[in-house]
Protein backbone atom coordinates (compact mmCIF):
# COMPACT_ATOMS: atom_id res chain seq x y z
CA MET A 1 120.50 -77.45 59.15
CA THR A 2 122.87 -75.88 61.65
CA PHE A 3 125.83 -74.82 62.17
CA ARG A 4 126.83 -77.49 65.00
CA LYS A 5 125.06 -80.63 63.19
CA TRP A 6 127.45 -79.19 59.92
CA LEU A 7 130.51 -78.93 61.85
CA GLU A 8 129.50 -82.85 63.15
CA GLN A 9 129.70 -83.28 59.88
CA GLN A 10 132.98 -81.89 58.80
CA LYS A 11 134.76 -83.88 61.89
CA GLU A 12 136.23 -86.33 59.68
CA ARG A 13 138.44 -83.14 57.26
CA GLU A 14 142.13 -82.63 57.55
CA ASP A 15 141.81 -78.72 57.25
CA LEU A 16 140.93 -75.79 59.30
CA VAL A 17 137.44 -76.81 59.16
CA GLY A 18 137.72 -80.27 60.51
CA ASP A 19 140.14 -78.87 63.53
CA PHE A 20 137.38 -76.25 64.17
CA ALA A 21 134.57 -78.89 63.58
CA ARG A 22 136.85 -81.52 66.38
CA ASP A 23 137.30 -78.71 69.00
CA VAL A 24 133.20 -78.03 69.08
CA ALA A 25 132.43 -81.69 69.55
CA ASP A 26 133.74 -81.26 72.95
CA ASP A 27 132.07 -78.65 73.94
CA PRO A 28 128.57 -79.45 75.41
CA SER A 29 127.87 -75.56 75.73
CA PHE A 30 128.30 -75.00 71.82
CA PRO A 31 124.82 -73.57 70.86
CA ASN A 32 122.85 -75.83 68.30
CA ARG A 33 122.11 -72.80 65.94
CA SER A 34 122.04 -71.41 62.60
CA ASP A 35 122.46 -67.83 63.19
CA LYS A 36 125.89 -66.19 63.32
CA SER A 37 125.01 -64.22 65.56
CA GLY A 38 124.05 -66.81 68.19
CA ASN A 39 127.13 -68.59 66.96
CA ALA A 40 129.43 -66.11 67.28
CA ALA A 41 128.39 -64.97 71.00
CA HIS A 42 129.69 -68.75 72.21
CA PHE A 43 133.00 -66.78 71.03
CA GLU A 44 132.80 -63.37 71.89
CA TRP A 45 135.19 -64.25 75.64
CA MET A 46 138.18 -66.48 73.33
CA PRO A 47 141.09 -64.32 71.89
CA ASP A 48 140.96 -62.92 67.85
CA GLU A 49 142.49 -66.08 66.86
CA VAL A 50 139.69 -68.16 68.05
CA ARG A 51 136.98 -65.62 66.60
CA GLU A 52 139.12 -65.27 63.33
CA ARG A 53 138.91 -68.78 62.98
CA PHE A 54 135.12 -69.59 62.89
CA ASP A 55 134.56 -66.48 60.88
CA GLU A 56 136.39 -68.53 58.29
CA VAL A 57 134.43 -72.05 59.08
CA TRP A 58 131.17 -70.02 59.14
CA ARG A 59 132.40 -68.03 55.79
CA GLU A 60 131.66 -72.02 54.23
CA TYR A 61 128.88 -73.11 55.97
CA GLN A 62 126.76 -69.77 54.15
CA GLU A 63 128.37 -70.83 50.91
CA GLU A 64 127.50 -74.54 51.53
CA ARG A 65 123.38 -73.15 52.77
CA MET A 66 123.36 -70.43 49.43
CA ASN A 67 124.55 -73.94 47.11
CA THR A 68 122.05 -76.28 48.74
CA PHE A 69 119.14 -73.40 48.47
CA LEU A 70 119.95 -71.83 44.92
CA GLY A 71 122.31 -74.37 43.27
CA PRO A 72 125.88 -74.42 42.30
CA GLU A 73 127.35 -71.27 40.49
CA LEU A 74 126.82 -70.96 36.74
CA PRO A 75 129.98 -71.02 35.31
CA SER A 76 131.28 -68.09 33.75
CA GLU A 77 131.57 -66.56 30.45
CA LYS A 78 134.80 -68.63 29.38
CA GLU A 79 134.09 -72.22 30.78
CA ARG A 80 130.43 -72.17 29.63
CA ASP A 81 130.08 -74.64 26.77
CA TYR A 82 128.68 -73.06 23.43
């Protein structure tokens, strides 16, 4: 799933990700890609705070993608039910 499509699914959230998703929804020039460099290039000329926000949201996108491919994290040693 591309970053843009993932963001479309996050628009109802009431947090940083939801705010970012709503901002991107209004930007017709935002890329429809799943690689970080292709998406990050869109923010190169923007203020540092916008690029930092992109990085935070991107990390969550990547974590969700990894969980989709690999499944959720295994429980820690303390959390395991022996």
